Amino acid sequence: MKTTKATKPTPVEPVAKKTAKKAAKKATAATGKATGVAKKATGTIKKAAAASKKAASAKTAAAKKAAPTKTVAKKAAPAQAAPKKAIVESHAALVRRARRINRELAEVYPYAHPELDFENPFQLVIATVLSAQTTDLRVNQTTPGLFAKYPTPEDLAAANPEEVEEILRPTGFFRAKTKSVIGLSKALVEDFGGEVPGRLEDLVKLPGVGRKTAFVVLGNAFGRPGITVDTHFGRLVRRWQWTDETDPDKVEAAVGALFPKSEWTMLSHHVIFHGRRICHARKPACGACPIAPLCPAYGEGETDPEKARKLLKYEKGGFPGQRLNPPQSYLDAGGIPAPPLGAG
């Protein structure tokens, strides 16, 4: 009788462990995938929420714009003066108005004259150069001492600059002015035989002499017509709308075209006198102005007659003028000579 051997049982435990490990790996992988999907889903939700928030903000802003705003009561701003209206007129009408203004001013200032004291062309050209950046009064108070010590171009050309500076100190910019007048005097001696030339092209070659100074000298020392465009002249002709130019040479040309050449010198005196006495830069005395009906700028200054009269200067206001030795016609009209330097 054959005996059957017992078969050894197969070890189950190792196989089970392997299977369990595989299952765990698959489960972990599945979990990772699920987590990734969840993260993506969360990101999508966040983006959607942000978009929704933006849309809500946009709606709110639109609603605010659409909603009627509350009116906040504010103090009314002070009324501004109406801009000056330009006169619409033909060139012929402008010529007529400009010439009428000059005729009116000639009646108001029959004694108009250059407001620098001088006895000859040399004194006038020196005084005019010195008048830059100061008043004619200050020049007139200073030149007596200068001409007493240096009466001729030869004397001033040979002067000690330091001594001249001390005399000219009251006029301001005295070093530059000393250089100009000594240089001018030397040029007169060396190039013109010690005489002031009577031609524009020669005058403007002198140190410190421009067109304005040249026309002052030509018109008042040589009787040759010229327009003097100083700060007063330029201001008034623009107020009167004779021109809107600001460059002195262009002002000279524009205004010169409105008048006969023979009237240029006295026209300059009339306009400058009026600018210094009535038609001031900051506060013109409109209420006391004899040409108010012809002036397009009427109303820029004081229009009350009583208040305006208090703004008048020099002989029109009962005050001393700028010349220490004014013409007799000025004195006859009630003008008062200026006091000498240091007398008030």
Protein backbone atom coordinates (compact mmCIF):
# COMPACT_ATOMS: atom_id res chain seq x y z
CA MET A 1 0.00 0.00 0.00
CA LYS A 2 1.48 3.30 -1.17
CA THR A 3 1.81 6.12 1.24
CA THR A 4 0.95 9.72 -0.10
CA LYS A 5 3.21 12.50 1.03
CA ALA A 6 1.62 15.63 2.37
CA THR A 7 2.12 18.77 0.12
CA LYS A 8 3.53 21.88 1.76
CA PRO A 9 1.05 24.76 1.87
CA THR A 10 1.86 27.84 -0.39
CA PRO A 11 2.87 30.85 1.69
CA VAL A 12 -0.05 33.26 1.38
CA GLU A 13 1.30 36.18 3.49
CA PRO A 14 3.99 37.53 1.09
CA VAL A 15 1.55 37.55 -1.86
CA ALA A 16 -1.04 39.41 0.20
CA LYS A 17 1.51 42.04 1.22
CA LYS A 18 2.45 42.68 -2.43
CA THR A 19 -1.16 42.98 -3.43
CA ALA A 20 -1.85 45.36 -0.57
CA LYS A 21 1.11 47.56 -1.53
CA LYS A 22 -0.08 47.75 -5.13
CA ALA A 23 -3.56 48.65 -4.00
CA ALA A 24 -2.18 51.36 -1.67
CA LYS A 25 -0.12 52.89 -4.49
CA LYS A 26 -3.14 52.99 -6.76
CA ALA A 27 -5.17 54.54 -3.98
CA THR A 28 -2.48 57.20 -3.35
CA ALA A 29 -2.29 58.01 -7.05
CA ALA A 30 -6.05 58.28 -7.21
CA THR A 31 -6.01 60.56 -4.16
CA GLY A 32 -3.33 62.80 -5.75
CA LYS A 33 -5.34 63.12 -8.92
CA ALA A 34 -8.42 63.95 -6.91
CA THR A 35 -6.47 66.61 -4.97
CA GLY A 36 -5.20 68.18 -8.22
CA VAL A 37 -8.70 68.25 -9.61
CA ALA A 38 -9.90 69.81 -6.37
CA LYS A 39 -7.17 72.48 -6.53
CA LYS A 40 -8.07 73.29 -10.10
CA ALA A 41 -11.68 73.52 -9.14
CA THR A 42 -10.80 75.82 -6.23
CA GLY A 43 -8.74 78.09 -8.56
CA THR A 44 -11.62 78.28 -10.98
CA ILE A 45 -13.98 79.21 -8.18
CA LYS A 46 -11.60 81.95 -6.98
CA LYS A 47 -11.30 83.38 -10.50
CA ALA A 48 -15.04 83.35 -10.88
CA ALA A 49 -15.43 85.13 -7.54
CA ALA A 50 -12.88 87.81 -8.53
CA ALA A 51 -14.64 88.37 -11.86
CA SER A 52 -17.93 88.65 -10.05
CA LYS A 53 -16.41 91.18 -7.63
CA LYS A 54 -15.06 93.29 -10.51
CA ALA A 55 -18.41 93.24 -12.22
CA ALA A 56 -20.08 94.33 -9.01
CA SER A 57 -17.57 97.20 -8.59
CA ALA A 58 -18.16 98.31 -12.18
CA LYS A 59 -21.92 98.33 -11.61
CA THR A 60 -21.47 100.38 -8.44
CA ALA A 61 -19.26 102.94 -10.22
CA ALA A 62 -21.73 103.20 -13.09
CA ALA A 63 -24.55 103.68 -10.61
CA LYS A 64 -22.63 106.46 -8.87
CA LYS A 65 -22.05 108.25 -12.17
CA ALA A 66 -25.64 107.88 -13.16
CA ALA A 67 -26.96 109.04 -9.80
CA PRO A 68 -27.61 112.80 -9.50
CA THR A 69 -24.88 114.51 -7.50
CA LYS A 70 -25.64 116.75 -4.58
CA THR A 71 -25.02 120.41 -5.24
CA VAL A 72 -22.61 121.92 -2.74
CA ALA A 73 -23.17 125.60 -2.15
CA LYS A 74 -20.01 127.61 -2.87
CA LYS A 75 -19.23 131.26 -2.54
CA ALA A 76 -19.60 133.06 -5.81
CA ALA A 77 -16.26 133.97 -7.40
CA PRO A 78 -15.61 137.69 -7.70
CA ALA A 79 -16.72 139.04 -11.03
CA GLN A 80 -13.86 139.65 -13.42
CA ALA A 81 -13.62 142.76 -15.52
CA ALA A 82 -14.89 142.28 -19.02
CA PRO A 83 -12.05 141.93 -21.52
CA LYS A 84 -11.31 145.03 -23.52
CA LYS A 85 -13.07 144.86 -26.87
CA ALA A 86 -11.08 145.64 -29.96
CA ILE A 87 -12.39 148.50 -32.04
CA VAL A 88 -13.37 147.43 -35.52
CA GLU A 89 -12.42 150.32 -37.75
CA SER A 90 -10.89 150.90 -41.14
CA HIS A 91 -7.35 152.23 -41.50
CA ALA A 92 -8.78 155.60 -42.53
CA ALA A 93 -10.96 155.70 -39.41
CA LEU A 94 -7.95 154.80 -37.24
CA VAL A 95 -5.93 157.63 -38.80
CA ARG A 96 -8.73 160.11 -38.12
CA ARG A 97 -9.14 158.98 -34.48
CA ALA A 98 -5.37 158.97 -33.82
CA ARG A 99 -4.92 162.47 -35.24
CA ARG A 100 -7.88 163.78 -33.31
CA ILE A 101 -6.38 162.42 -30.08
CA ASN A 102 -3.11 164.20 -30.87
CA ARG A 103 -4.95 167.47 -31.54
CA GLU A 104 -6.80 167.16 -28.23
CA LEU A 105 -3.56 166.47 -26.37
CA ALA A 106 -1.90 169.46 -28.05
CA GLU A 107 -4.58 171.68 -26.51
CA VAL A 108 -4.12 170.09 -23.08
CA TYR A 109 -0.29 170.22 -23.20
CA PRO A 110 0.67 173.22 -25.39
CA TYR A 111 3.87 173.44 -23.34
CA ALA A 112 4.92 169.79 -23.85
CA HIS A 113 8.70 169.48 -24.09
CA PRO A 114 11.56 167.04 -23.41
CA GLU A 115 11.78 166.64 -19.65
CA LEU A 116 15.57 166.59 -19.50
CA ASP A 117 17.51 169.78 -18.78
CA PHE A 118 20.08 170.57 -21.50
CA GLU A 119 21.75 173.53 -23.17
CA ASN A 120 23.34 171.84 -26.19
CA PRO A 121 23.33 168.51 -28.11
CA PHE A 122 26.21 167.12 -26.02
CA GLN A 123 24.34 167.67 -22.76
CA LEU A 124 21.15 166.19 -24.22
CA VAL A 125 22.77 162.99 -25.50
CA ILE A 126 24.58 162.47 -22.17
CA ALA A 127 21.41 163.14 -20.14
CA THR A 128 19.36 160.77 -22.32
CA VAL A 129 21.88 157.96 -21.86
CA LEU A 130 21.81 158.54 -18.11
CA SER A 131 17.98 158.43 -18.01
CA ALA A 132 17.93 154.65 -18.54
CA GLN A 133 16.49 152.83 -15.50
CA THR A 134 15.85 156.03 -13.56
CA THR A 135 13.66 159.14 -13.66
CA ASP A 136 14.28 162.31 -15.63
CA LEU A 137 14.08 164.13 -12.31
CA ARG A 138 17.03 162.22 -10.88
CA VAL A 139 19.04 162.85 -14.05
CA ASN A 140 18.22 166.58 -13.95
CA GLN A 141 19.35 166.71 -10.34
CA THR A 142 22.64 164.97 -11.21
CA THR A 143 23.79 166.52 -14.50
CA PRO A 144 24.49 170.04 -13.17
CA GLY A 145 27.40 168.68 -11.14
CA LEU A 146 28.58 166.52 -14.04
CA PHE A 147 28.57 169.31 -16.64
CA ALA A 148 30.08 171.82 -14.24
CA LYS A 149 33.13 169.59 -13.94
CA TYR A 150 33.15 168.17 -17.49
CA PRO A 151 31.51 170.73 -19.81
CA THR A 152 32.82 169.33 -23.13
CA PRO A 153 33.29 165.90 -24.75
CA GLU A 154 37.06 166.40 -24.46
CA ASP A 155 36.78 166.96 -20.70
CA LEU A 156 34.58 163.93 -20.10
CA ALA A 157 36.68 161.73 -22.39
CA ALA A 158 39.74 162.42 -20.22
CA ALA A 159 37.90 162.09 -16.89
CA ASN A 160 38.88 159.79 -14.05
CA PRO A 161 36.19 157.03 -14.08
CA GLU A 162 36.08 156.83 -10.28
CA GLU A 163 35.29 160.53 -10.00
CA VAL A 164 32.55 160.26 -12.63
CA GLU A 165 31.09 157.21 -10.87
CA GLU A 166 30.77 159.19 -7.66
CA ILE A 167 28.85 161.96 -9.45
CA LEU A 168 26.56 159.51 -11.25
CA ARG A 169 25.89 157.28 -8.25
CA PRO A 170 22.37 158.75 -7.62
CA THR A 171 21.20 157.67 -11.09
CA GLY A 172 21.76 153.96 -10.44
CA PHE A 173 23.90 151.55 -12.50
CA PHE A 174 26.54 154.26 -12.18
CA ARG A 175 29.51 152.09 -13.20
CA ALA A 176 27.93 151.03 -16.48
CA LYS A 177 26.72 154.58 -17.14
CA THR A 178 30.18 155.98 -16.42
CA LYS A 179 31.66 153.60 -18.96
CA SER A 180 29.02 154.63 -21.52
CA VAL A 181 29.36 158.40 -21.18
CA ILE A 182 33.17 158.34 -21.15
CA GLY A 183 33.18 155.99 -24.15
CA LEU A 184 30.60 158.16 -25.93
CA SER A 185 32.70 161.28 -25.30
CA LYS A 186 35.83 159.57 -26.63
CA ALA A 187 33.95 158.53 -29.78
CA LEU A 188 32.74 162.11 -30.31
CA VAL A 189 36.31 163.41 -29.98
CA GLU A 190 37.94 160.75 -32.12
CA ASP A 191 35.30 160.25 -34.82
CA PHE A 192 33.28 163.47 -35.00
CA GLY A 193 35.66 166.26 -34.02
CA GLY A 194 34.04 166.68 -30.59
CA GLU A 195 30.61 167.42 -32.07
CA VAL A 196 27.39 165.41 -31.74
CA PRO A 197 26.42 164.17 -35.22
CA GLY A 198 23.02 165.09 -36.59
CA ARG A 199 22.32 161.84 -38.46
CA LEU A 200 20.57 158.76 -37.12
CA GLU A 201 23.09 156.34 -38.63
CA ASP A 202 25.96 158.16 -36.88
CA LEU A 203 24.25 158.60 -33.52
CA VAL A 204 23.43 154.90 -33.10
CA LYS A 205 27.13 154.06 -33.46
CA LEU A 206 27.92 155.90 -30.22
CA PRO A 207 28.25 153.83 -27.00
CA GLY A 208 24.95 153.68 -25.10
CA VAL A 209 22.93 155.31 -27.91
CA GLY A 210 20.01 153.42 -29.46
CA ARG A 211 17.20 154.57 -31.73
CA LYS A 212 15.16 156.04 -28.87
CA THR A 213 18.05 158.19 -27.63
CA ALA A 214 18.95 159.14 -31.19
CA PHE A 215 15.42 160.38 -31.93
CA VAL A 216 15.35 162.39 -28.69
CA VAL A 217 18.55 164.14 -29.80
CA LEU A 218 17.50 164.58 -33.42
CA GLY A 219 14.06 165.92 -32.59
CA ASN A 220 15.01 168.24 -29.75
CA ALA A 221 18.58 169.35 -30.51
CA PHE A 222 18.48 169.38 -34.32
CA GLY A 223 14.79 169.87 -35.11
CA ARG A 224 14.63 166.66 -37.16
CA PRO A 225 11.39 164.71 -36.66
CA GLY A 226 11.49 161.45 -34.77
CA ILE A 227 9.23 159.25 -32.65
CA THR A 228 10.47 158.45 -29.15
CA VAL A 229 9.08 155.07 -28.06
CA ASP A 230 9.60 154.97 -24.31
CA THR A 231 7.56 152.96 -21.79
CA HIS A 232 4.80 155.60 -21.61
CA PHE A 233 4.49 155.98 -25.37
CA GLY A 234 4.30 152.23 -25.95
CA ARG A 235 1.71 151.72 -23.20
CA LEU A 236 -0.61 154.46 -24.39
CA VAL A 237 -0.60 153.68 -28.11
CA ARG A 238 -1.54 150.09 -27.26
CA ARG A 239 -4.33 151.27 -24.94
CA TRP A 240 -5.64 153.47 -27.73
CA GLN A 241 -5.34 150.54 -30.14
CA TRP A 242 -3.16 152.41 -32.57
CA THR A 243 -1.06 149.24 -32.69
CA ASP A 244 -0.69 145.98 -30.79
CA GLU A 245 3.06 145.78 -31.40
CA THR A 246 5.41 145.61 -28.40
CA ASP A 247 8.78 145.87 -30.14
CA PRO A 248 9.82 149.57 -30.05
CA ASP A 249 10.97 149.62 -33.68
CA LYS A 250 7.67 148.12 -34.85
CA VAL A 251 5.69 150.54 -32.66
CA GLU A 252 7.66 153.41 -34.18
CA ALA A 253 6.87 152.24 -37.71
CA ALA A 254 3.17 151.55 -37.03
CA VAL A 255 2.50 154.88 -35.31
CA GLY A 256 4.66 156.84 -37.73
CA ALA A 257 2.41 155.66 -40.57
CA LEU A 258 -0.60 157.37 -38.93
CA PHE A 259 0.88 160.89 -38.83
CA PRO A 260 2.75 163.31 -41.06
CA LYS A 261 6.47 163.15 -40.35
CA SER A 262 6.47 166.81 -39.31
CA GLU A 263 4.30 165.93 -36.28
CA TRP A 264 6.39 163.06 -34.93
CA THR A 265 8.47 164.94 -32.33
CA MET A 266 5.58 166.85 -30.74
CA LEU A 267 3.37 163.75 -30.93
CA SER A 268 5.95 161.98 -28.78
CA HIS A 269 5.93 164.80 -26.23
CA HIS A 270 2.11 164.91 -26.09
CA VAL A 271 1.77 161.17 -25.54
CA ILE A 272 4.57 160.95 -22.96
CA PHE A 273 3.23 163.98 -21.04
CA HIS A 274 -0.22 162.39 -20.93
CA GLY A 275 1.18 159.06 -19.77
CA ARG A 276 3.10 160.69 -16.93
CA ARG A 277 0.29 162.93 -15.73
CA ILE A 278 -3.06 161.22 -16.33
CA CYS A 279 -2.90 157.85 -18.10
CA HIS A 280 -0.80 156.03 -15.52
CA ALA A 281 0.29 152.42 -15.89
CA ARG A 282 -1.48 150.95 -12.84
CA LYS A 283 -4.30 153.35 -12.13
CA PRO A 284 -5.15 155.72 -14.96
CA ALA A 285 -7.28 158.72 -14.04
CA CYS A 286 -10.03 157.97 -16.56
CA GLY A 287 -12.52 160.32 -14.89
CA ALA A 288 -10.19 163.28 -15.46
CA CYS A 289 -9.04 162.35 -18.96
CA PRO A 290 -9.72 164.90 -21.72
CA ILE A 291 -9.75 162.23 -24.44
CA ALA A 292 -12.00 159.72 -22.63
CA PRO A 293 -14.64 159.69 -25.43
CA LEU A 294 -11.94 158.64 -27.92
CA CYS A 295 -10.30 155.99 -25.72
CA PRO A 296 -11.22 152.30 -26.11
CA ALA A 297 -9.64 151.58 -22.71
CA TYR A 298 -11.84 154.02 -20.79
CA GLY A 299 -12.89 152.39 -17.51
CA GLU A 300 -9.61 150.58 -16.81
CA GLY A 301 -8.91 153.18 -14.14
CA GLU A 302 -10.82 155.45 -11.76
CA THR A 303 -13.87 156.94 -13.51
CA ASP A 304 -15.19 159.07 -10.65
CA PRO A 305 -14.11 162.64 -11.52
CA GLU A 306 -13.31 163.66 -7.94
CA LYS A 307 -11.27 160.54 -7.19
CA ALA A 308 -9.59 160.71 -10.59
CA ARG A 309 -8.42 164.30 -10.01
CA LYS A 310 -6.55 163.13 -6.93
CA LEU A 311 -4.45 160.85 -9.16
CA LEU A 312 -3.11 163.64 -11.40
CA LYS A 313 0.63 164.34 -11.29
CA TYR A 314 3.04 167.22 -11.87
CA GLU A 315 1.45 170.51 -12.99
CA LYS A 316 -1.94 168.84 -13.50
CA GLY A 317 -1.98 167.93 -9.82
CA GLY A 318 -0.24 171.05 -8.55
CA PHE A 319 3.11 169.31 -7.97
CA PRO A 320 6.67 170.20 -9.10
CA GLY A 321 7.73 168.91 -12.51
CA GLN A 322 10.89 167.01 -13.46
CA ARG A 323 13.02 169.85 -14.85
CA LEU A 324 15.00 172.23 -12.68
CA ASN A 325 15.00 174.68 -15.59
CA PRO A 326 11.77 174.14 -17.53
CA PRO A 327 10.71 176.28 -20.52
CA GLN A 328 8.90 179.54 -19.82
CA SER A 329 5.74 178.19 -21.45
CA TYR A 330 5.61 175.50 -18.80
CA LEU A 331 5.98 178.04 -16.00
CA ASP A 332 3.33 180.24 -17.59
CA ALA A 333 0.90 177.30 -17.51
CA GLY A 334 1.39 176.92 -13.77
CA GLY A 335 4.27 174.46 -13.86
CA ILE A 336 6.62 174.31 -10.88
CA PRO A 337 10.37 173.67 -11.30
CA ALA A 338 11.82 170.55 -9.72
CA PRO A 339 13.96 170.96 -6.58
CA PRO A 340 17.74 170.44 -6.82
CA LEU A 341 19.36 167.28 -5.51
CA GLY A 342 19.04 166.99 -1.75
CA ALA A 343 16.40 169.72 -1.46
CA GLY A 344 13.46 167.30 -1.29
